[in-house]
Amino acid sequence: MTLLGRILVVDDEAAVAEILSEYFTTQGYAVETAPNGAAALAVVARQRPDLVLLDMRMPGMDGMEVLRRIRAIDATVPVIMVTANEDIVLARETLKSGAFDYVPKPFDFGYLDRAVSAGLLQSAASAKGPADGPTGGDPWKDLVLAVFRAARAMGEPGKTSTGARLESAALAAARDAAAGRAPQAGEHLSEIEFLASVAGDLGDLAGAGRKAVDAALSGARRTLARGR
Protein backbone atom coordinates (compact mmCIF):
# COMPACT_ATOMS: atom_id res chain seq x y z
CA MET A 1 0.00 0.00 0.00
CA THR A 2 1.31 3.47 -0.90
CA LEU A 3 1.74 5.64 2.16
CA LEU A 4 -0.15 8.92 2.08
CA GLY A 5 2.38 10.71 4.28
CA ARG A 6 4.28 10.69 7.57
CA ILE A 7 2.47 12.05 10.62
CA LEU A 8 4.04 12.77 13.99
CA VAL A 9 1.58 12.63 16.91
CA VAL A 10 2.75 14.48 20.03
CA ASP A 11 0.70 13.88 23.18
CA ASP A 12 1.56 13.01 26.77
CA GLU A 13 -1.68 11.02 27.09
CA ALA A 14 -0.81 7.55 25.82
CA ALA A 15 -4.46 6.69 25.13
CA VAL A 16 -4.94 9.73 22.88
CA ALA A 17 -1.69 9.07 21.01
CA GLU A 18 -2.73 5.44 20.51
CA ILE A 19 -6.17 6.38 19.16
CA LEU A 20 -4.72 8.86 16.68
CA SER A 21 -1.93 6.53 15.67
CA GLU A 22 -4.27 3.61 15.06
CA TYR A 23 -6.78 5.75 13.17
CA PHE A 24 -4.31 7.33 10.78
CA THR A 25 -2.36 4.09 10.28
CA THR A 26 -5.56 2.40 9.06
CA GLN A 27 -6.10 5.37 6.72
CA GLY A 28 -2.78 4.69 5.02
CA TYR A 29 -0.36 7.01 6.83
CA ALA A 30 2.95 6.21 8.52
CA VAL A 31 2.57 7.41 12.11
CA GLU A 32 5.21 8.05 14.78
CA THR A 33 4.36 9.17 18.30
CA ALA A 34 6.21 11.29 20.85
CA PRO A 35 5.19 11.58 24.53
CA ASN A 36 6.60 15.07 25.08
CA GLY A 37 8.07 18.12 23.42
CA ALA A 38 11.72 17.08 23.69
CA ALA A 39 11.04 13.74 22.00
CA ALA A 40 9.00 15.48 19.29
CA LEU A 41 11.81 17.91 18.48
CA ALA A 42 14.26 15.02 18.23
CA VAL A 43 12.00 13.33 15.66
CA VAL A 44 11.59 16.52 13.61
CA ALA A 45 15.36 17.11 13.62
CA ARG A 46 16.07 13.51 12.60
CA GLN A 47 13.62 13.26 9.70
CA ARG A 48 11.10 15.85 8.58
CA PRO A 49 7.53 14.59 9.10
CA ASP A 50 4.93 15.63 6.56
CA LEU A 51 2.65 16.88 9.35
CA VAL A 52 2.61 17.18 13.15
CA LEU A 53 -0.42 16.76 15.41
CA LEU A 54 0.64 18.61 18.56
CA ASP A 55 -1.13 18.64 21.92
CA MET A 56 -1.49 22.11 23.44
CA ARG A 57 -1.22 21.06 27.10
CA MET A 58 1.75 18.93 28.11
CA PRO A 59 3.86 18.95 31.28
CA GLY A 60 7.22 20.65 30.97
CA MET A 61 7.42 22.09 27.48
CA ASP A 62 3.89 23.05 26.37
CA GLY A 63 2.54 22.92 22.86
CA MET A 64 3.14 26.61 22.13
CA GLU A 65 6.84 26.30 22.94
CA VAL A 66 7.15 23.09 20.93
CA LEU A 67 5.49 24.83 17.98
CA ARG A 68 8.00 27.70 18.15
CA ARG A 69 10.92 25.28 18.25
CA ILE A 70 9.57 23.20 15.35
CA ARG A 71 9.25 26.39 13.32
CA ALA A 72 12.92 27.13 14.10
CA ILE A 73 13.99 23.67 12.89
CA ASP A 74 11.79 23.63 9.77
CA ALA A 75 9.28 26.40 9.12
CA THR A 76 7.60 24.41 6.33
CA VAL A 77 6.27 21.54 8.47
CA PRO A 78 2.47 21.95 8.93
CA VAL A 79 1.52 21.74 12.60
CA ILE A 80 -2.08 21.11 13.72
CA MET A 81 -2.69 21.93 17.36
CA VAL A 82 -4.83 19.52 19.40
CA THR A 83 -6.72 21.35 22.11
CA ALA A 84 -9.39 21.01 24.76
CA ASN A 85 -12.53 23.06 24.23
CA GLU A 86 -11.58 25.51 26.98
CA ASP A 87 -8.36 26.36 25.09
CA ILE A 88 -9.98 27.33 21.77
CA VAL A 89 -9.11 31.02 22.17
CA LEU A 90 -5.48 30.15 22.86
CA ALA A 91 -5.48 27.70 19.96
CA ARG A 92 -6.54 30.47 17.60
CA GLU A 93 -3.56 32.47 18.78
CA THR A 94 -1.26 29.65 17.68
CA LEU A 95 -2.24 30.36 14.08
CA LYS A 96 -0.37 33.66 14.42
CA SER A 97 2.66 31.70 15.60
CA GLY A 98 2.70 29.46 12.56
CA ALA A 99 0.26 26.64 13.31
CA PHE A 100 -1.57 25.42 10.22
CA ASP A 101 -4.83 24.67 12.04
CA TYR A 102 -6.24 23.41 15.33
CA VAL A 103 -8.66 20.63 16.25
CA PRO A 104 -10.59 20.31 19.52
CA LYS A 105 -11.07 17.27 21.74
CA PRO A 106 -13.17 15.15 21.62
CA PHE A 107 -12.28 14.55 17.99
CA ASP A 108 -14.59 15.01 15.06
CA PHE A 109 -12.71 12.63 12.77
CA GLY A 110 -14.33 14.03 9.63
CA TYR A 111 -13.03 17.49 10.53
CA LEU A 112 -9.66 16.04 11.52
CA ASP A 113 -9.39 14.17 8.21
CA ARG A 114 -9.99 17.34 6.23
CA ALA A 115 -7.49 19.33 8.28
CA VAL A 116 -4.80 16.66 7.89
CA SER A 117 -5.44 16.31 4.15
CA ALA A 118 -5.14 20.06 3.63
CA GLY A 119 -2.00 20.20 5.77
CA LEU A 120 -0.38 17.42 3.77
CA LEU A 121 -1.17 19.22 0.52
CA GLN A 122 0.67 22.26 1.87
CA SER A 123 3.52 20.06 3.11
CA ALA A 124 3.98 18.47 -0.31
CA ALA A 125 4.09 21.91 -1.94
CA SER A 126 6.60 23.22 0.62
CA ALA A 127 8.86 20.20 0.16
CA LYS A 128 9.08 20.98 -3.58
CA GLY A 129 10.52 24.42 -2.87
CA PRO A 130 9.31 27.95 -3.64
CA ALA A 131 7.71 28.82 -6.96
CA ASP A 132 4.99 31.06 -8.30
CA GLY A 133 1.92 31.19 -6.05
CA PRO A 134 1.25 30.31 -2.42
CA THR A 135 1.70 26.58 -2.91
CA GLY A 136 4.40 26.40 -5.54
CA GLY A 137 2.12 27.22 -8.44
CA ASP A 138 -0.32 24.33 -7.95
CA PRO A 139 -3.85 25.70 -8.48
CA TRP A 140 -5.49 22.71 -6.76
CA LYS A 141 -3.51 23.20 -3.59
CA ASP A 142 -4.25 26.92 -3.81
CA LEU A 143 -7.95 26.08 -4.04
CA VAL A 144 -7.88 23.75 -1.02
CA LEU A 145 -6.04 26.28 1.14
CA ALA A 146 -8.29 29.17 0.08
CA VAL A 147 -11.41 27.15 0.85
CA PHE A 148 -10.09 25.91 4.20
CA ARG A 149 -9.06 29.37 5.33
CA ALA A 150 -12.43 30.81 4.34
CA ALA A 151 -14.38 27.95 5.93
CA ARG A 152 -12.44 28.07 9.20
CA ALA A 153 -13.14 31.80 9.44
CA MET A 154 -16.91 31.24 9.31
CA GLY A 155 -19.05 31.52 12.39
CA GLU A 156 -21.38 28.83 13.62
CA PRO A 157 -23.48 27.17 12.27
CA GLY A 158 -22.03 27.98 8.84
CA LYS A 159 -18.66 26.41 9.65
CA THR A 160 -20.13 23.01 10.51
CA SER A 161 -22.61 22.93 7.64
CA THR A 162 -21.65 24.81 4.49
CA GLY A 163 -18.02 25.18 5.57
CA ALA A 164 -17.53 21.44 6.05
CA ARG A 165 -19.11 20.72 2.67
CA LEU A 166 -16.85 23.29 1.01
CA GLU A 167 -13.78 21.65 2.52
CA SER A 168 -14.85 18.17 1.41
CA ALA A 169 -15.60 19.36 -2.13
CA ALA A 170 -12.24 21.14 -2.43
CA LEU A 171 -10.33 18.04 -1.30
CA ALA A 172 -12.35 15.85 -3.67
CA ALA A 173 -11.62 18.23 -6.57
CA ALA A 174 -7.88 18.15 -5.85
CA ARG A 175 -7.82 14.35 -5.56
CA ASP A 176 -9.79 13.83 -8.77
CA ALA A 177 -7.58 16.28 -10.63
CA ALA A 178 -4.45 14.50 -9.39
CA ALA A 179 -5.91 11.18 -10.58
CA GLY A 180 -6.72 12.59 -14.03
CA ARG A 181 -10.49 12.53 -13.48
CA ALA A 182 -11.19 15.93 -15.05
CA PRO A 183 -15.01 15.59 -15.38
CA GLN A 184 -15.37 14.68 -11.69
CA ALA A 185 -13.02 17.49 -10.68
CA GLY A 186 -15.14 19.90 -12.71
CA GLU A 187 -18.29 18.72 -10.92
CA HIS A 188 -16.67 19.42 -7.56
CA LEU A 189 -15.69 22.90 -8.74
CA SER A 190 -19.32 23.56 -9.61
CA GLU A 191 -20.30 22.34 -6.14
CA ILE A 192 -17.79 24.69 -4.52
CA GLU A 193 -19.08 27.60 -6.60
CA PHE A 194 -22.66 26.84 -5.57
CA LEU A 195 -21.83 26.40 -1.88
CA ALA A 196 -19.74 29.59 -1.86
CA SER A 197 -22.67 31.45 -3.41
CA VAL A 198 -25.05 30.11 -0.76
CA ALA A 199 -22.60 30.97 2.02
CA GLY A 200 -22.22 34.44 0.57
CA ASP A 201 -25.98 34.99 0.43
CA LEU A 202 -26.24 33.92 4.08
CA GLY A 203 -23.47 36.27 5.11
CA ASP A 204 -21.15 33.43 6.15
CA LEU A 205 -18.58 33.97 3.40
CA ALA A 206 -17.68 37.47 2.37
CA GLY A 207 -14.82 39.91 1.90
CA ALA A 208 -11.28 38.65 1.39
CA GLY A 209 -12.25 35.01 2.03
CA ARG A 210 -14.85 35.02 -0.75
CA LYS A 211 -12.48 36.78 -3.15
CA ALA A 212 -9.73 34.25 -2.42
CA VAL A 213 -12.07 31.30 -3.06
CA ASP A 214 -13.36 32.86 -6.29
CA ALA A 215 -9.81 33.52 -7.50
CA ALA A 216 -8.72 29.98 -6.65
CA LEU A 217 -11.77 28.56 -8.43
CA SER A 218 -10.89 30.53 -11.54
CA GLY A 219 -7.33 29.21 -11.43
CA ALA A 220 -8.51 25.62 -11.10
CA ARG A 221 -10.98 26.01 -13.96
CA ARG A 222 -8.26 27.43 -16.22
CA THR A 223 -6.09 24.45 -15.37
CA LEU A 224 -8.88 22.03 -16.31
CA ALA A 225 -9.48 23.89 -19.59
CA ARG A 226 -5.78 23.57 -20.47
CA GLY A 227 -5.92 19.85 -19.66
CA ARG A 228 -3.21 20.01 -16.98
C-alpha atoms as a PDB file:
ATOM      1  CA  MET A   1       0.000   0.000   0.000  1.00  0.00           C
ATOM      2  CA  THR A   2       1.309   3.466  -0.896  1.00  0.00           C
ATOM      3  CA  LEU A   3       1.744   5.639   2.164  1.00  0.00           C
ATOM      4  CA  LEU A   4      -0.150   8.919   2.078  1.00  0.00           C
ATOM      5  CA  GLY A   5       2.376  10.710   4.278  1.00  0.00           C
ATOM      6  CA  ARG A   6       4.282  10.694   7.566  1.00  0.00           C
ATOM      7  CA  ILE A   7       2.473  12.048  10.619  1.00  0.00           C
ATOM      8  CA  LEU A   8       4.041  12.769  13.990  1.00  0.00           C
ATOM      9  CA  VAL A   9       1.578  12.630  16.913  1.00  0.00           C
ATOM     10  CA  VAL A  10       2.749  14.480  20.035  1.00  0.00           C
ATOM     11  CA  ASP A  11       0.697  13.880  23.180  1.00  0.00           C
ATOM     12  CA  ASP A  12       1.563  13.011  26.770  1.00  0.00           C
ATOM     13  CA  GLU A  13      -1.680  11.016  27.095  1.00  0.00           C
ATOM     14  CA  ALA A  14      -0.807   7.547  25.815  1.00  0.00           C
ATOM     15  CA  ALA A  15      -4.464   6.688  25.128  1.00  0.00           C
ATOM     16  CA  VAL A  16      -4.936   9.732  22.883  1.00  0.00           C
ATOM     17  CA  ALA A  17      -1.693   9.069  21.012  1.00  0.00           C
ATOM     18  CA  GLU A  18      -2.730   5.438  20.512  1.00  0.00           C
ATOM     19  CA  ILE A  19      -6.170   6.376  19.165  1.00  0.00           C
ATOM     20  CA  LEU A  20      -4.724   8.861  16.684  1.00  0.00           C
ATOM     21  CA  SER A  21      -1.927   6.526  15.672  1.00  0.00           C
ATOM     22  CA  GLU A  22      -4.272   3.613  15.057  1.00  0.00           C
ATOM     23  CA  TYR A  23      -6.780   5.749  13.173  1.00  0.00           C
ATOM     24  CA  PHE A  24      -4.306   7.330  10.777  1.00  0.00           C
ATOM     25  CA  THR A  25      -2.363   4.093  10.282  1.00  0.00           C
ATOM     26  CA  THR A  26      -5.557   2.404   9.061  1.00  0.00           C
ATOM     27  CA  GLN A  27      -6.098   5.373   6.719  1.00  0.00           C
ATOM     28  CA  GLY A  28      -2.780   4.687   5.015  1.00  0.00           C
ATOM     29  CA  TYR A  29      -0.356   7.007   6.829  1.00  0.00           C
ATOM     30  CA  ALA A  30       2.948   6.209   8.516  1.00  0.00           C
ATOM     31  CA  VAL A  31       2.575   7.408  12.108  1.00  0.00           C
ATOM     32  CA  GLU A  32       5.210   8.051  14.776  1.00  0.00           C
ATOM     33  CA  THR A  33       4.356   9.171  18.299  1.00  0.00           C
ATOM     34  CA  ALA A  34       6.206  11.289  20.852  1.00  0.00           C
ATOM     35  CA  PRO A  35       5.187  11.581  24.530  1.00  0.00           C
ATOM     36  CA  ASN A  36       6.599  15.067  25.079  1.00  0.00           C
ATOM     37  CA  GLY A  37       8.075  18.121  23.422  1.00  0.00           C
ATOM     38  CA  ALA A  38      11.717  17.079  23.685  1.00  0.00           C
ATOM     39  CA  ALA A  39      11.035  13.741  22.003  1.00  0.00           C
ATOM     40  CA  ALA A  40       9.001  15.485  19.285  1.00  0.00           C
ATOM     41  CA  LEU A  41      11.810  17.914  18.483  1.00  0.00           C
ATOM     42  CA  ALA A  42      14.264  15.022  18.230  1.00  0.00           C
ATOM     43  CA  VAL A  43      11.999  13.327  15.664  1.00  0.00           C
ATOM     44  CA  VAL A  44      11.594  16.520  13.611  1.00  0.00           C
ATOM     45  CA  ALA A  45      15.363  17.113  13.622  1.00  0.00           C
ATOM     46  CA  ARG A  46      16.073  13.513  12.604  1.00  0.00           C
ATOM     47  CA  GLN A  47      13.620  13.257   9.699  1.00  0.00           C
ATOM     48  CA  ARG A  48      11.099  15.850   8.578  1.00  0.00           C
ATOM     49  CA  PRO A  49       7.528  14.588   9.095  1.00  0.00           C
ATOM     50  CA  ASP A  50       4.927  15.630   6.558  1.00  0.00           C
ATOM     51  CA  LEU A  51       2.653  16.877   9.352  1.00  0.00           C
ATOM     52  CA  VAL A  52       2.612  17.184  13.148  1.00  0.00           C
ATOM     53  CA  LEU A  53      -0.423  16.755  15.409  1.00  0.00           C
ATOM     54  CA  LEU A  54       0.639  18.606  18.561  1.00  0.00           C
ATOM     55  CA  ASP A  55      -1.131  18.643  21.916  1.00  0.00           C
ATOM     56  CA  MET A  56      -1.491  22.108  23.443  1.00  0.00           C
ATOM     57  CA  ARG A  57      -1.222  21.057  27.100  1.00  0.00           C
ATOM     58  CA  MET A  58       1.751  18.933  28.111  1.00  0.00           C
ATOM     59  CA  PRO A  59       3.864  18.948  31.275  1.00  0.00           C
ATOM     60  CA  GLY A  60       7.225  20.646  30.972  1.00  0.00           C
ATOM     61  CA  MET A  61       7.417  22.088  27.477  1.00  0.00           C
ATOM     62  CA  ASP A  62       3.894  23.048  26.375  1.00  0.00           C
ATOM     63  CA  GLY A  63       2.538  22.918  22.857  1.00  0.00           C
ATOM     64  CA  MET A  64       3.135  26.606  22.125  1.00  0.00           C
ATOM     65  CA  GLU A  65       6.839  26.303  22.944  1.00  0.00           C
ATOM     66  CA  VAL A  66       7.154  23.086  20.929  1.00  0.00           C
ATOM     67  CA  LEU A  67       5.491  24.831  17.981  1.00  0.00           C
ATOM     68  CA  ARG A  68       8.004  27.697  18.146  1.00  0.00           C
ATOM     69  CA  ARG A  69      10.924  25.276  18.246  1.00  0.00           C
ATOM     70  CA  ILE A  70       9.571  23.197  15.349  1.00  0.00           C
ATOM     71  CA  ARG A  71       9.254  26.388  13.317  1.00  0.00           C
ATOM     72  CA  ALA A  72      12.916  27.132  14.100  1.00  0.00           C
ATOM     73  CA  ILE A  73      13.987  23.665  12.894  1.00  0.00           C
ATOM     74  CA  ASP A  74      11.792  23.628   9.775  1.00  0.00           C
ATOM     75  CA  ALA A  75       9.282  26.400   9.120  1.00  0.00           C
ATOM     76  CA  THR A  76       7.599  24.408   6.330  1.00  0.00           C
ATOM     77  CA  VAL A  77       6.269  21.536   8.472  1.00  0.00           C
ATOM     78  CA  PRO A  78       2.472  21.946   8.933  1.00  0.00           C
ATOM     79  CA  VAL A  79       1.521  21.743  12.604  1.00  0.00           C
ATOM     80  CA  ILE A  80      -2.075  21.114  13.718  1.00  0.00           C
ATOM     81  CA  MET A  81      -2.692  21.926  17.365  1.00  0.00           C
ATOM     82  CA  VAL A  82      -4.825  19.519  19.399  1.00  0.00           C
ATOM     83  CA  THR A  83      -6.720  21.353  22.111  1.00  0.00           C
ATOM     84  CA  ALA A  84      -9.387  21.006  24.761  1.00  0.00           C
ATOM     85  CA  ASN A  85     -12.535  23.058  24.231  1.00  0.00           C
ATOM     86  CA  GLU A  86     -11.578  25.512  26.977  1.00  0.00           C
ATOM     87  CA  ASP A  87      -8.364  26.359  25.093  1.00  0.00           C
ATOM     88  CA  ILE A  88      -9.977  27.333  21.766  1.00  0.00           C
ATOM     89  CA  VAL A  89      -9.115  31.023  22.165  1.00  0.00           C
ATOM     90  CA  LEU A  90      -5.481  30.153  22.863  1.00  0.00           C
ATOM     91  CA  ALA A  91      -5.479  27.697  19.960  1.00  0.00           C
ATOM     92  CA  ARG A  92      -6.539  30.471  17.605  1.00  0.00           C
ATOM     93  CA  GLU A  93      -3.560  32.469  18.779  1.00  0.00           C
ATOM     94  CA  THR A  94      -1.258  29.651  17.683  1.00  0.00           C
ATOM     95  CA  LEU A  95      -2.244  30.360  14.078  1.00  0.00           C
ATOM     96  CA  LYS A  96      -0.374  33.663  14.425  1.00  0.00           C
ATOM     97  CA  SER A  97       2.658  31.701  15.604  1.00  0.00           C
ATOM     98  CA  GLY A  98       2.702  29.464  12.559  1.00  0.00           C
ATOM     99  CA  ALA A  99       0.256  26.636  13.311  1.00  0.00           C
ATOM    100  CA  PHE A 100      -1.570  25.415  10.218  1.00  0.00           C
ATOM    101  CA  ASP A 101      -4.830  24.665  12.039  1.00  0.00           C
ATOM    102  CA  TYR A 102      -6.243  23.413  15.335  1.00  0.00           C
ATOM    103  CA  VAL A 103      -8.656  20.629  16.252  1.00  0.00           C
ATOM    104  CA  PRO A 104     -10.585  20.312  19.523  1.00  0.00           C
ATOM    105  CA  LYS A 105     -11.074  17.269  21.735  1.00  0.00           C
ATOM    106  CA  PRO A 106     -13.172  15.152  21.624  1.00  0.00           C
ATOM    107  CA  PHE A 107     -12.276  14.550  17.989  1.00  0.00           C
ATOM    108  CA  ASP A 108     -14.586  15.007  15.062  1.00  0.00           C
ATOM    109  CA  PHE A 109     -12.712  12.627  12.768  1.00  0.00           C
ATOM    110  CA  GLY A 110     -14.332  14.033   9.632  1.00  0.00           C
ATOM    111  CA  TYR A 111     -13.028  17.495  10.533  1.00  0.00           C
ATOM    112  CA  LEU A 112      -9.662  16.044  11.522  1.00  0.00           C
ATOM    113  CA  ASP A 113      -9.385  14.167   8.209  1.00  0.00           C
ATOM    114  CA  ARG A 114      -9.989  17.338   6.232  1.00  0.00           C
ATOM    115  CA  ALA A 115      -7.487  19.329   8.281  1.00  0.00           C
ATOM    116  CA  VAL A 116      -4.800  16.661   7.892  1.00  0.00           C
ATOM    117  CA  SER A 117      -5.437  16.309   4.148  1.00  0.00           C
ATOM    118  CA  ALA A 118      -5.136  20.061   3.633  1.00  0.00           C
ATOM    119  CA  GLY A 119      -2.001  20.203   5.774  1.00  0.00           C
ATOM    120  CA  LEU A 120      -0.381  17.417   3.773  1.00  0.00           C
ATOM    121  CA  LEU A 121      -1.167  19.215   0.523  1.00  0.00           C
ATOM    122  CA  GLN A 122       0.670  22.256   1.867  1.00  0.00           C
ATOM    123  CA  SER A 123       3.515  20.060   3.112  1.00  0.00           C
ATOM    124  CA  ALA A 124       3.981  18.475  -0.308  1.00  0.00           C
ATOM    125  CA  ALA A 125       4.094  21.908  -1.938  1.00  0.00           C
ATOM    126  CA  SER A 126       6.601  23.219   0.623  1.00  0.00           C
ATOM    127  CA  ALA A 127       8.857  20.202   0.159  1.00  0.00           C
ATOM    128  CA  LYS A 128       9.084  20.978  -3.576  1.00  0.00           C
ATOM    129  CA  GLY A 129      10.520  24.418  -2.869  1.00  0.00           C
ATOM    130  CA  PRO A 130       9.313  27.954  -3.642  1.00  0.00           C
ATOM    131  CA  ALA A 131       7.713  28.821  -6.961  1.00  0.00           C
ATOM    132  CA  ASP A 132       4.987  31.060  -8.296  1.00  0.00           C
ATOM    133  CA  GLY A 133       1.923  31.192  -6.051  1.00  0.00           C
ATOM    134  CA  PRO A 134       1.246  30.312  -2.422  1.00  0.00           C
ATOM    135  CA  THR A 135       1.699  26.578  -2.911  1.00  0.00           C
ATOM    136  CA  GLY A 136       4.402  26.399  -5.537  1.00  0.00           C
ATOM    137  CA  GLY A 137       2.123  27.222  -8.445  1.00  0.00           C
ATOM    138  CA  ASP A 138      -0.324  24.329  -7.949  1.00  0.00           C
ATOM    139  CA  PRO A 139      -3.847  25.704  -8.483  1.00  0.00           C
ATOM    140  CA  TRP A 140      -5.491  22.715  -6.765  1.00  0.00           C
ATOM    141  CA  LYS A 141      -3.512  23.198  -3.587  1.00  0.00           C
ATOM    142  CA  ASP A 142      -4.250  26.921  -3.807  1.00  0.00           C
ATOM    143  CA  LEU A 143      -7.952  26.075  -4.043  1.00  0.00           C
ATOM    144  CA  VAL A 144      -7.877  23.752  -1.017  1.00  0.00           C
ATOM    145  CA  LEU A 145      -6.040  26.277   1.135  1.00  0.00           C
ATOM    146  CA  ALA A 146      -8.286  29.173   0.077  1.00  0.00           C
ATOM    147  CA  VAL A 147     -11.412  27.148   0.853  1.00  0.00           C
ATOM    148  CA  PHE A 148     -10.085  25.907   4.196  1.00  0.00           C
ATOM    149  CA  ARG A 149      -9.056  29.371   5.326  1.00  0.00           C
ATOM    150  CA  ALA A 150     -12.431  30.812   4.344  1.00  0.00           C
ATOM    151  CA  ALA A 151     -14.384  27.949   5.928  1.00  0.00           C
ATOM    152  CA  ARG A 152     -12.436  28.065   9.201  1.00  0.00           C
ATOM    153  CA  ALA A 153     -13.138  31.802   9.443  1.00  0.00           C
ATOM    154  CA  MET A 154     -16.910  31.236   9.308  1.00  0.00           C
ATOM    155  CA  GLY A 155     -19.046  31.522  12.387  1.00  0.00           C
ATOM    156  CA  GLU A 156     -21.383  28.828  13.621  1.00  0.00           C
ATOM    157  CA  PRO A 157     -23.477  27.174  12.269  1.00  0.00           C
ATOM    158  CA  GLY A 158     -22.028  27.978   8.839  1.00  0.00           C
ATOM    159  CA  LYS A 159     -18.657  26.410   9.651  1.00  0.00           C
ATOM    160  CA  THR A 160     -20.127  23.007  10.515  1.00  0.00           C
ATOM    161  CA  SER A 161     -22.605  22.933   7.644  1.00  0.00           C
ATOM    162  CA  THR A 162     -21.646  24.813   4.493  1.00  0.00           C
ATOM    163  CA  GLY A 163     -18.025  25.179   5.571  1.00  0.00           C
ATOM    164  CA  ALA A 164     -17.534  21.445   6.053  1.00  0.00           C
ATOM    165  CA  ARG A 165     -19.105  20.715   2.667  1.00  0.00           C
ATOM    166  CA  LEU A 166     -16.851  23.290   1.014  1.00  0.00           C
ATOM    167  CA  GLU A 167     -13.780  21.649   2.516  1.00  0.00           C
ATOM    168  CA  SER A 168     -14.848  18.169   1.409  1.00  0.00           C
ATOM    169  CA  ALA A 169     -15.599  19.364  -2.128  1.00  0.00           C
ATOM    170  CA  ALA A 170     -12.242  21.139  -2.425  1.00  0.00           C
ATOM    171  CA  LEU A 171     -10.328  18.041  -1.304  1.00  0.00           C
ATOM    172  CA  ALA A 172     -12.346  15.851  -3.671  1.00  0.00           C
ATOM    173  CA  ALA A 173     -11.618  18.228  -6.565  1.00  0.00           C
ATOM    174  CA  ALA A 174      -7.883  18.151  -5.851  1.00  0.00           C
ATOM    175  CA  ARG A 175      -7.823  14.354  -5.557  1.00  0.00           C
ATOM    176  CA  ASP A 176      -9.795  13.827  -8.770  1.00  0.00           C
ATOM    177  CA  ALA A 177      -7.582  16.284 -10.630  1.00  0.00           C
ATOM    178  CA  ALA A 178      -4.453  14.496  -9.394  1.00  0.00           C
ATOM    179  CA  ALA A 179      -5.913  11.179 -10.576  1.00  0.00           C
ATOM    180  CA  GLY A 180      -6.716  12.588 -14.032  1.00  0.00           C
ATOM    181  CA  ARG A 181     -10.492  12.534 -13.475  1.00  0.00           C
ATOM    182  CA  ALA A 182     -11.186  15.930 -15.047  1.00  0.00           C
ATOM    183  CA  PRO A 183     -15.008  15.591 -15.376  1.00  0.00           C
ATOM    184  CA  GLN A 184     -15.370  14.681 -11.693  1.00  0.00           C
ATOM    185  CA  ALA A 185     -13.017  17.491 -10.683  1.00  0.00           C
ATOM    186  CA  GLY A 186     -15.138  19.899 -12.705  1.00  0.00           C
ATOM    187  CA  GLU A 187     -18.285  18.724 -10.924  1.00  0.00           C
ATOM    188  CA  HIS A 188     -16.674  19.422  -7.565  1.00  0.00           C
ATOM    189  CA  LEU A 189     -15.687  22.903  -8.740  1.00  0.00           C
ATOM    190  CA  SER A 190     -19.325  23.561  -9.605  1.00  0.00           C
ATOM    191  CA  GLU A 191     -20.305  22.343  -6.138  1.00  0.00           C
ATOM    192  CA  ILE A 192     -17.786  24.692  -4.522  1.00  0.00           C
ATOM    193  CA  GLU A 193     -19.077  27.598  -6.598  1.00  0.00           C
ATOM    194  CA  PHE A 194     -22.662  26.843  -5.571  1.00  0.00           C
ATOM    195  CA  LEU A 195     -21.825  26.402  -1.884  1.00  0.00           C
ATOM    196  CA  ALA A 196     -19.743  29.586  -1.863  1.00  0.00           C
ATOM    197  CA  SER A 197     -22.666  31.447  -3.406  1.00  0.00           C
ATOM    198  CA  VAL A 198     -25.047  30.110  -0.760  1.00  0.00           C
ATOM    199  CA  ALA A 199     -22.602  30.966   2.023  1.00  0.00           C
ATOM    200  CA  GLY A 200     -22.222  34.442   0.566  1.00  0.00           C
ATOM    201  CA  ASP A 201     -25.976  34.995   0.427  1.00  0.00           C
ATOM    202  CA  LEU A 202     -26.241  33.918   4.079  1.00  0.00           C
ATOM    203  CA  GLY A 203     -23.466  36.273   5.109  1.00  0.00           C
ATOM    204  CA  ASP A 204     -21.153  33.427   6.153  1.00  0.00           C
ATOM    205  CA  LEU A 205     -18.582  33.972   3.405  1.00  0.00           C
ATOM    206  CA  ALA A 206     -17.683  37.475   2.369  1.00  0.00           C
ATOM    207  CA  GLY A 207     -14.823  39.906   1.900  1.00  0.00           C
ATOM    208  CA  ALA A 208     -11.283  38.650   1.392  1.00  0.00           C
ATOM    209  CA  GLY A 209     -12.251  35.012   2.027  1.00  0.00           C
ATOM    210  CA  ARG A 210     -14.850  35.015  -0.745  1.00  0.00           C
ATOM    211  CA  LYS A 211     -12.479  36.777  -3.145  1.00  0.00           C
ATOM    212  CA  ALA A 212      -9.731  34.246  -2.423  1.00  0.00           C
ATOM    213  CA  VAL A 213     -12.070  31.304  -3.058  1.00  0.00           C
ATOM    214  CA  ASP A 214     -13.360  32.860  -6.287  1.00  0.00           C
ATOM    215  CA  ALA A 215      -9.813  33.521  -7.499  1.00  0.00           C
ATOM    216  CA  ALA A 216      -8.717  29.982  -6.653  1.00  0.00           C
ATOM    217  CA  LEU A 217     -11.766  28.559  -8.427  1.00  0.00           C
ATOM    218  CA  SER A 218     -10.886  30.532 -11.543  1.00  0.00           C
ATOM    219  CA  GLY A 219      -7.328  29.214 -11.435  1.00  0.00           C
ATOM    220  CA  ALA A 220      -8.511  25.619 -11.103  1.00  0.00           C
ATOM    221  CA  ARG A 221     -10.981  26.010 -13.961  1.00  0.00           C
ATOM    222  CA  ARG A 222      -8.257  27.432 -16.221  1.00  0.00           C
ATOM    223  CA  THR A 223      -6.088  24.448 -15.370  1.00  0.00           C
ATOM    224  CA  LEU A 224      -8.882  22.029 -16.315  1.00  0.00           C
ATOM    225  CA  ALA A 225      -9.480  23.886 -19.587  1.00  0.00           C
ATOM    226  CA  ARG A 226      -5.784  23.570 -20.468  1.00  0.00           C
ATOM    227  CA  GLY A 227      -5.919  19.852 -19.658  1.00  0.00           C
ATOM    228  CA  ARG A 228      -3.213  20.008 -16.984  1.00  0.00           C
END
